[in-house]
Amino acid sequence: MAQQDGPESPNLPEHRTTTMEKGRFCLAHCSCGWRGPARRARSQARTDAEQHATR
């Protein structure tokens, strides 16, 4: 199940991040096509997504 992470930034509307679970791992995805590494900790996947959205 995907969930929306973090507030939407008015300066970067194309960067809408979500997290997705695949087995024991959680991955961050962005609407721009970026994908984060597979993480066992959901919190780390969310941090990856937040860092990507602010770049």
PDB file of N, CA and C in Angstrom:
ATOM      1  N   MET A   1       0.837  -1.175   0.000  1.00  0.00           N
ATOM      2  CA  MET A   1       0.000   0.000   0.000  1.00  0.00           C
ATOM      3  C   MET A   1       0.885   1.243   0.000  1.00  0.00           C
ATOM      4  N   ALA A   2       0.613   2.200  -0.852  1.00  0.00           N
ATOM      5  CA  ALA A   2       1.388   3.431  -0.939  1.00  0.00           C
ATOM      6  C   ALA A   2       0.767   4.495  -0.050  1.00  0.00           C
ATOM      7  N   GLN A   3       1.622   5.388   0.434  1.00  0.00           N
ATOM      8  CA  GLN A   3       1.123   6.490   1.232  1.00  0.00           C
ATOM      9  C   GLN A   3       1.844   7.759   0.835  1.00  0.00           C
ATOM     10  N   GLN A   4       1.154   8.892   0.965  1.00  0.00           N
ATOM     11  CA  GLN A   4       1.749  10.175   0.646  1.00  0.00           C
ATOM     12  C   GLN A   4       2.627  10.607   1.805  1.00  0.00           C
ATOM     13  N   ASP A   5       3.815  11.070   1.513  1.00  0.00           N
ATOM     14  CA  ASP A   5       4.763  11.474   2.540  1.00  0.00           C
ATOM     15  C   ASP A   5       5.072  12.950   2.456  1.00  0.00           C
ATOM     16  N   GLY A   6       5.007  13.616   3.580  1.00  0.00           N
ATOM     17  CA  GLY A   6       5.448  14.996   3.682  1.00  0.00           C
ATOM     18  C   GLY A   6       4.510  15.981   3.033  1.00  0.00           C
ATOM     19  N   PRO A   7       4.729  17.257   3.359  1.00  0.00           N
ATOM     20  CA  PRO A   7       3.903  18.304   2.758  1.00  0.00           C
ATOM     21  C   PRO A   7       4.294  18.530   1.309  1.00  0.00           C
ATOM     22  N   GLU A   8       3.332  18.958   0.527  1.00  0.00           N
ATOM     23  CA  GLU A   8       3.624  19.259  -0.868  1.00  0.00           C
ATOM     24  C   GLU A   8       4.281  20.630  -0.933  1.00  0.00           C
ATOM     25  N   SER A   9       5.309  20.750  -1.707  1.00  0.00           N
ATOM     26  CA  SER A   9       6.015  22.012  -1.869  1.00  0.00           C
ATOM     27  C   SER A   9       5.459  22.746  -3.079  1.00  0.00           C
ATOM     28  N   PRO A  10       5.063  24.017  -2.921  1.00  0.00           N
ATOM     29  CA  PRO A  10       4.536  24.753  -4.072  1.00  0.00           C
ATOM     30  C   PRO A  10       5.590  25.001  -5.141  1.00  0.00           C
ATOM     31  N   ASN A  11       6.881  24.956  -4.783  1.00  0.00           N
ATOM     32  CA  ASN A  11       7.943  25.189  -5.756  1.00  0.00           C
ATOM     33  C   ASN A  11       8.262  23.955  -6.585  1.00  0.00           C
ATOM     34  N   LEU A  12       7.938  22.778  -6.095  1.00  0.00           N
ATOM     35  CA  LEU A  12       8.268  21.538  -6.795  1.00  0.00           C
ATOM     36  C   LEU A  12       7.046  20.624  -6.888  1.00  0.00           C
ATOM     37  N   PRO A  13       6.005  21.032  -7.595  1.00  0.00           N
ATOM     38  CA  PRO A  13       4.801  20.197  -7.632  1.00  0.00           C
ATOM     39  C   PRO A  13       5.013  18.866  -8.333  1.00  0.00           C
ATOM     40  N   GLU A  14       6.048  18.751  -9.189  1.00  0.00           N
ATOM     41  CA  GLU A  14       6.284  17.495  -9.892  1.00  0.00           C
ATOM     42  C   GLU A  14       6.906  16.432  -8.994  1.00  0.00           C
ATOM     43  N   HIS A  15       7.383  16.806  -7.811  1.00  0.00           N
ATOM     44  CA  HIS A  15       7.984  15.844  -6.899  1.00  0.00           C
ATOM     45  C   HIS A  15       6.971  15.413  -5.842  1.00  0.00           C
ATOM     46  N   ARG A  16       6.184  14.398  -6.186  1.00  0.00           N
ATOM     47  CA  ARG A  16       5.209  13.847  -5.260  1.00  0.00           C
ATOM     48  C   ARG A  16       5.696  12.452  -4.883  1.00  0.00           C
ATOM     49  N   THR A  17       6.131  12.313  -3.657  1.00  0.00           N
ATOM     50  CA  THR A  17       6.741  11.060  -3.227  1.00  0.00           C
ATOM     51  C   THR A  17       5.751  10.158  -2.513  1.00  0.00           C
ATOM     52  N   THR A  18       5.986   8.865  -2.655  1.00  0.00           N
ATOM     53  CA  THR A  18       5.215   7.840  -1.963  1.00  0.00           C
ATOM     54  C   THR A  18       6.183   6.758  -1.509  1.00  0.00           C
ATOM     55  N   THR A  19       5.732   5.938  -0.588  1.00  0.00           N
ATOM     56  CA  THR A  19       6.498   4.759  -0.203  1.00  0.00           C
ATOM     57  C   THR A  19       5.660   3.538  -0.535  1.00  0.00           C
ATOM     58  N   MET A  20       6.346   2.452  -0.825  1.00  0.00           N
ATOM     59  CA  MET A  20       5.675   1.229  -1.249  1.00  0.00           C
ATOM     60  C   MET A  20       6.385   0.038  -0.633  1.00  0.00           C
ATOM     61  N   GLU A  21       5.630  -0.881  -0.103  1.00  0.00           N
ATOM     62  CA  GLU A  21       6.232  -2.066   0.499  1.00  0.00           C
ATOM     63  C   GLU A  21       6.271  -3.203  -0.503  1.00  0.00           C
ATOM     64  N   LYS A  22       7.417  -3.864  -0.549  1.00  0.00           N
ATOM     65  CA  LYS A  22       7.600  -5.063  -1.374  1.00  0.00           C
ATOM     66  C   LYS A  22       8.264  -6.107  -0.499  1.00  0.00           C
ATOM     67  N   GLY A  23       7.488  -7.042  -0.055  1.00  0.00           N
ATOM     68  CA  GLY A  23       8.019  -8.057   0.855  1.00  0.00           C
ATOM     69  C   GLY A  23       8.468  -7.428   2.155  1.00  0.00           C
ATOM     70  N   ARG A  24       9.715  -7.659   2.531  1.00  0.00           N
ATOM     71  CA  ARG A  24      10.260  -7.104   3.770  1.00  0.00           C
ATOM     72  C   ARG A  24      10.854  -5.715   3.594  1.00  0.00           C
ATOM     73  N   PHE A  25      10.786  -5.185   2.398  1.00  0.00           N
ATOM     74  CA  PHE A  25      11.429  -3.912   2.109  1.00  0.00           C
ATOM     75  C   PHE A  25      10.419  -2.820   1.793  1.00  0.00           C
ATOM     76  N   CYS A  26      10.842  -1.589   2.012  1.00  0.00           N
ATOM     77  CA  CYS A  26      10.047  -0.412   1.703  1.00  0.00           C
ATOM     78  C   CYS A  26      10.872   0.442   0.742  1.00  0.00           C
ATOM     79  N   LEU A  27      10.236   0.933  -0.306  1.00  0.00           N
ATOM     80  CA  LEU A  27      10.926   1.742  -1.308  1.00  0.00           C
ATOM     81  C   LEU A  27      10.222   3.076  -1.456  1.00  0.00           C
ATOM     82  N   ALA A  28      10.997   4.122  -1.675  1.00  0.00           N
ATOM     83  CA  ALA A  28      10.456   5.446  -1.945  1.00  0.00           C
ATOM     84  C   ALA A  28      10.406   5.646  -3.456  1.00  0.00           C
ATOM     85  N   HIS A  29       9.329   6.260  -3.939  1.00  0.00           N
ATOM     86  CA  HIS A  29       9.152   6.560  -5.363  1.00  0.00           C
ATOM     87  C   HIS A  29       8.739   8.013  -5.496  1.00  0.00           C
ATOM     88  N   CYS A  30       9.048   8.608  -6.638  1.00  0.00           N
ATOM     89  CA  CYS A  30       8.656   9.984  -6.914  1.00  0.00           C
ATOM     90  C   CYS A  30       7.982  10.045  -8.275  1.00  0.00           C
ATOM     91  N   SER A  31       7.084  11.007  -8.425  1.00  0.00           N
ATOM     92  CA  SER A  31       6.377  11.167  -9.699  1.00  0.00           C
ATOM     93  C   SER A  31       7.314  11.590 -10.837  1.00  0.00           C
ATOM     94  N   CYS A  32       8.518  12.071 -10.516  1.00  0.00           N
ATOM     95  CA  CYS A  32       9.477  12.460 -11.563  1.00  0.00           C
ATOM     96  C   CYS A  32      10.228  11.252 -12.124  1.00  0.00           C
ATOM     97  N   GLY A  33      10.034  10.061 -11.529  1.00  0.00           N
ATOM     98  CA  GLY A  33      10.700   8.858 -12.015  1.00  0.00           C
ATOM     99  C   GLY A  33      11.787   8.343 -11.092  1.00  0.00           C
ATOM    100  N   TRP A  34      12.174   9.135 -10.101  1.00  0.00           N
ATOM    101  CA  TRP A  34      13.212   8.729  -9.142  1.00  0.00           C
ATOM    102  C   TRP A  34      12.708   7.583  -8.271  1.00  0.00           C
ATOM    103  N   ARG A  35      13.603   6.661  -7.941  1.00  0.00           N
ATOM    104  CA  ARG A  35      13.305   5.566  -7.012  1.00  0.00           C
ATOM    105  C   ARG A  35      14.454   5.445  -6.030  1.00  0.00           C
ATOM    106  N   GLY A  36      14.104   5.339  -4.760  1.00  0.00           N
ATOM    107  CA  GLY A  36      15.114   5.192  -3.725  1.00  0.00           C
ATOM    108  C   GLY A  36      15.501   3.734  -3.540  1.00  0.00           C
ATOM    109  N   PRO A  37      16.538   3.503  -2.754  1.00  0.00           N
ATOM    110  CA  PRO A  37      16.961   2.129  -2.495  1.00  0.00           C
ATOM    111  C   PRO A  37      15.967   1.399  -1.599  1.00  0.00           C
ATOM    112  N   ALA A  38      15.970   0.084  -1.673  1.00  0.00           N
ATOM    113  CA  ALA A  38      15.112  -0.720  -0.809  1.00  0.00           C
ATOM    114  C   ALA A  38      15.626  -0.623   0.623  1.00  0.00           C
ATOM    115  N   ARG A  39      14.715  -0.378   1.530  1.00  0.00           N
ATOM    116  CA  ARG A  39      15.076  -0.223   2.944  1.00  0.00           C
ATOM    117  C   ARG A  39      14.221  -1.155   3.785  1.00  0.00           C
ATOM    118  N   ARG A  40      14.787  -1.674   4.853  1.00  0.00           N
ATOM    119  CA  ARG A  40      13.996  -2.470   5.787  1.00  0.00           C
ATOM    120  C   ARG A  40      13.181  -1.580   6.714  1.00  0.00           C
ATOM    121  N   ALA A  41      13.677  -0.380   6.983  1.00  0.00           N
ATOM    122  CA  ALA A  41      12.990   0.558   7.874  1.00  0.00           C
ATOM    123  C   ALA A  41      12.145   1.534   7.056  1.00  0.00           C
ATOM    124  N   ARG A  42      10.837   1.571   7.339  1.00  0.00           N
ATOM    125  CA  ARG A  42       9.964   2.512   6.642  1.00  0.00           C
ATOM    126  C   ARG A  42      10.413   3.945   6.864  1.00  0.00           C
ATOM    127  N   SER A  43      10.878   4.231   8.086  1.00  0.00           N
ATOM    128  CA  SER A  43      11.309   5.597   8.392  1.00  0.00           C
ATOM    129  C   SER A  43      12.466   6.023   7.501  1.00  0.00           C
ATOM    130  N   GLN A  44      13.361   5.132   7.181  1.00  0.00           N
ATOM    131  CA  GLN A  44      14.491   5.476   6.316  1.00  0.00           C
ATOM    132  C   GLN A  44      14.024   5.711   4.885  1.00  0.00           C
ATOM    133  N   ALA A  45      13.060   4.936   4.416  1.00  0.00           N
ATOM    134  CA  ALA A  45      12.507   5.156   3.077  1.00  0.00           C
ATOM    135  C   ALA A  45      11.815   6.511   3.012  1.00  0.00           C
ATOM    136  N   ARG A  46      11.098   6.892   4.079  1.00  0.00           N
ATOM    137  CA  ARG A  46      10.463   8.206   4.119  1.00  0.00           C
ATOM    138  C   ARG A  46      11.511   9.322   4.127  1.00  0.00           C
ATOM    139  N   THR A  47      12.605   9.115   4.852  1.00  0.00           N
ATOM    140  CA  THR A  47      13.695  10.102   4.875  1.00  0.00           C
ATOM    141  C   THR A  47      14.308  10.245   3.485  1.00  0.00           C
ATOM    142  N   ASP A  48      14.509   9.134   2.783  1.00  0.00           N
ATOM    143  CA  ASP A  48      15.016   9.189   1.406  1.00  0.00           C
ATOM    144  C   ASP A  48      14.112  10.037   0.527  1.00  0.00           C
ATOM    145  N   ALA A  49      12.797   9.831   0.664  1.00  0.00           N
ATOM    146  CA  ALA A  49      11.824  10.575  -0.144  1.00  0.00           C
ATOM    147  C   ALA A  49      11.856  12.057   0.197  1.00  0.00           C
ATOM    148  N   GLU A  50      11.932  12.390   1.472  1.00  0.00           N
ATOM    149  CA  GLU A  50      11.975  13.800   1.888  1.00  0.00           C
ATOM    150  C   GLU A  50      13.237  14.471   1.361  1.00  0.00           C
ATOM    151  N   GLN A  51      14.368  13.792   1.445  1.00  0.00           N
ATOM    152  CA  GLN A  51      15.616  14.366   0.955  1.00  0.00           C
ATOM    153  C   GLN A  51      15.567  14.578  -0.552  1.00  0.00           C
ATOM    154  N   HIS A  52      14.965  13.644  -1.267  1.00  0.00           N
ATOM    155  CA  HIS A  52      14.846  13.788  -2.723  1.00  0.00           C
ATOM    156  C   HIS A  52      13.976  14.989  -3.075  1.00  0.00           C
ATOM    157  N   ALA A  53      12.868  15.144  -2.387  1.00  0.00           N
ATOM    158  CA  ALA A  53      11.924  16.219  -2.703  1.00  0.00           C
ATOM    159  C   ALA A  53      12.513  17.602  -2.437  1.00  0.00           C
ATOM    160  N   THR A  54      13.478  17.711  -1.552  1.00  0.00           N
ATOM    161  CA  THR A  54      14.065  19.016  -1.241  1.00  0.00           C
ATOM    162  C   THR A  54      15.256  19.346  -2.123  1.00  0.00           C
ATOM    163  N   ARG A  55      15.689  18.443  -2.966  1.00  0.00           N
ATOM    164  CA  ARG A  55      16.842  18.700  -3.838  1.00  0.00           C
ATOM    165  C   ARG A  55      16.438  19.434  -5.069  1.00  0.00           C
TER     166      ARG A  55
END
